[in-house]
Amino acid sequence: MSETTYESKDQLQVALARRAQADPAFKEELLRDPRGAVAKEAGRELPADLEVHVLEDTASEVYLVLPALPAESGRLSDAELAGVAGGSGKSHHTDCASWVPTTCTAGSIVGDC
């Protein structure tokens, strides 16, 4: 298990993507056994009912992940909506066209284009 503590899912996702880029064996493990690889990197067991899927963008396929709505109301708060609509302020992208794979350099990850 990893000794690194991640404060958010976003931090864990970035760490997983960077490690997969740098380590072909880890990338293979992540694609083959996403649940096990994520649990190992997170340093803890995952909830039994949590499914983990890993997809890899290609030059001709891009995957977008839509965040789950909060269970209590089915609606986002104003703060959550602002974070989704305007981004969290953490993205390196200035417009939607900048993350299209054809504009990214070989080997880059989301946020590094």
Protein backbone atom coordinates (compact mmCIF):
# COMPACT_ATOMS: atom_id res chain seq x y z
CA MET A 1 0.00 0.00 0.00
CA SER A 2 1.13 3.54 -0.74
CA GLU A 3 2.36 5.74 2.10
CA THR A 4 1.08 8.87 0.33
CA THR A 5 -2.14 10.38 1.66
CA TYR A 6 -4.46 11.97 -0.87
CA GLU A 7 -6.80 14.74 0.25
CA SER A 8 -9.18 14.32 -2.69
CA LYS A 9 -10.22 12.00 -5.47
CA ASP A 10 -8.75 14.51 -7.93
CA GLN A 11 -5.30 14.27 -6.30
CA LEU A 12 -5.45 10.48 -6.45
CA GLN A 13 -6.53 10.53 -10.10
CA VAL A 14 -3.64 12.81 -11.07
CA ALA A 15 -1.17 10.62 -9.16
CA LEU A 16 -2.52 7.48 -10.85
CA ALA A 17 -2.31 9.04 -14.32
CA ARG A 18 1.23 10.31 -13.78
CA ARG A 19 2.42 6.99 -12.38
CA ALA A 20 0.79 5.10 -15.27
CA GLN A 21 2.64 7.34 -17.74
CA ALA A 22 5.98 6.84 -16.03
CA ASP A 23 5.62 3.14 -15.22
CA PRO A 24 4.37 0.81 -18.00
CA ALA A 25 4.00 -2.11 -15.57
CA PHE A 26 1.77 -0.03 -13.29
CA LYS A 27 -0.28 1.13 -16.29
CA GLU A 28 -0.83 -2.49 -17.29
CA GLU A 29 -1.87 -3.36 -13.72
CA LEU A 30 -4.20 -0.34 -13.58
CA LEU A 31 -5.92 -1.41 -16.81
CA ARG A 32 -6.03 -5.11 -15.83
CA ASP A 33 -7.07 -4.70 -12.16
CA PRO A 34 -8.25 -1.11 -11.61
CA ARG A 35 -9.75 -1.79 -8.19
CA GLY A 36 -6.60 -3.41 -6.82
CA ALA A 37 -4.25 -0.81 -8.30
CA VAL A 38 -6.33 2.11 -6.99
CA ALA A 39 -6.62 0.55 -3.52
CA LYS A 40 -2.86 -0.01 -3.44
CA GLU A 41 -2.10 3.58 -4.48
CA ALA A 42 -4.73 5.01 -2.11
CA GLY A 43 -3.23 3.02 0.74
CA ARG A 44 -6.54 1.56 1.89
CA GLU A 45 -9.27 -0.87 1.01
CA LEU A 46 -12.07 0.44 -1.16
CA PRO A 47 -15.75 0.05 -0.20
CA ALA A 48 -17.04 -3.36 -1.29
CA ASP A 49 -19.82 -1.83 -3.41
CA LEU A 50 -17.51 0.60 -5.25
CA GLU A 51 -16.77 -0.29 -8.87
CA VAL A 52 -13.62 1.14 -10.47
CA HIS A 53 -13.23 1.53 -14.23
CA VAL A 54 -10.14 2.77 -16.05
CA LEU A 55 -10.34 3.91 -19.66
CA GLU A 56 -7.51 5.25 -21.78
CA ASP A 57 -8.02 8.14 -24.21
CA THR A 58 -6.67 7.61 -27.71
CA ALA A 59 -6.16 9.93 -30.65
CA SER A 60 -9.68 9.10 -31.85
CA GLU A 61 -11.53 8.53 -28.54
CA VAL A 62 -11.96 10.89 -25.59
CA TYR A 63 -13.81 9.93 -22.42
CA LEU A 64 -15.61 12.51 -20.29
CA VAL A 65 -16.59 11.70 -16.71
CA LEU A 66 -19.73 13.32 -15.41
CA PRO A 67 -19.71 13.81 -11.63
CA ALA A 68 -22.38 12.07 -9.58
CA LEU A 69 -25.11 14.29 -8.21
CA PRO A 70 -25.35 14.54 -4.41
CA ALA A 71 -27.73 11.84 -3.16
CA GLU A 72 -29.66 14.08 -0.78
CA SER A 73 -31.19 16.53 -3.27
CA GLY A 74 -30.21 15.50 -6.74
CA ARG A 75 -29.13 19.12 -7.29
CA LEU A 76 -25.80 20.85 -7.00
CA SER A 77 -25.33 23.68 -4.52
CA ASP A 78 -24.33 27.07 -5.92
CA ALA A 79 -20.72 26.43 -4.85
CA GLU A 80 -20.67 22.97 -6.45
CA LEU A 81 -22.25 24.33 -9.63
CA ALA A 82 -19.67 27.11 -9.83
CA GLY A 83 -16.88 24.54 -9.46
CA VAL A 84 -18.30 22.37 -12.24
CA ALA A 85 -19.32 25.17 -14.61
CA GLY A 86 -16.25 27.31 -14.15
CA GLY A 87 -13.88 24.55 -13.17
CA SER A 88 -12.19 24.39 -9.82
CA GLY A 89 -9.53 26.85 -10.88
CA LYS A 90 -7.01 24.00 -10.97
CA SER A 91 -7.17 23.27 -14.69
CA HIS A 92 -4.35 24.36 -16.97
CA HIS A 93 -6.80 24.65 -19.85
CA THR A 94 -8.22 27.96 -20.94
CA ASP A 95 -10.86 26.64 -23.31
CA CYS A 96 -12.46 23.35 -24.28
CA ALA A 97 -10.47 23.09 -27.50
CA SER A 98 -7.20 22.87 -25.54
CA TRP A 99 -7.89 19.37 -24.23
CA VAL A 100 -8.76 17.80 -27.56
CA PRO A 101 -6.15 15.05 -28.02
CA THR A 102 -4.92 16.41 -31.34
CA THR A 103 -3.62 19.51 -29.53
CA CYS A 104 -1.83 17.57 -26.79
CA THR A 105 1.76 16.46 -27.09
CA ALA A 106 2.60 12.79 -27.08
CA GLY A 107 2.68 11.39 -23.58
CA SER A 108 0.82 14.26 -21.92
CA ILE A 109 -1.97 13.75 -19.43
CA VAL A 110 -5.11 15.75 -18.79
CA GLY A 111 -4.03 19.05 -17.28
CA ASP A 112 -0.61 18.97 -18.92
CA CYS A 113 -1.66 19.91 -22.47
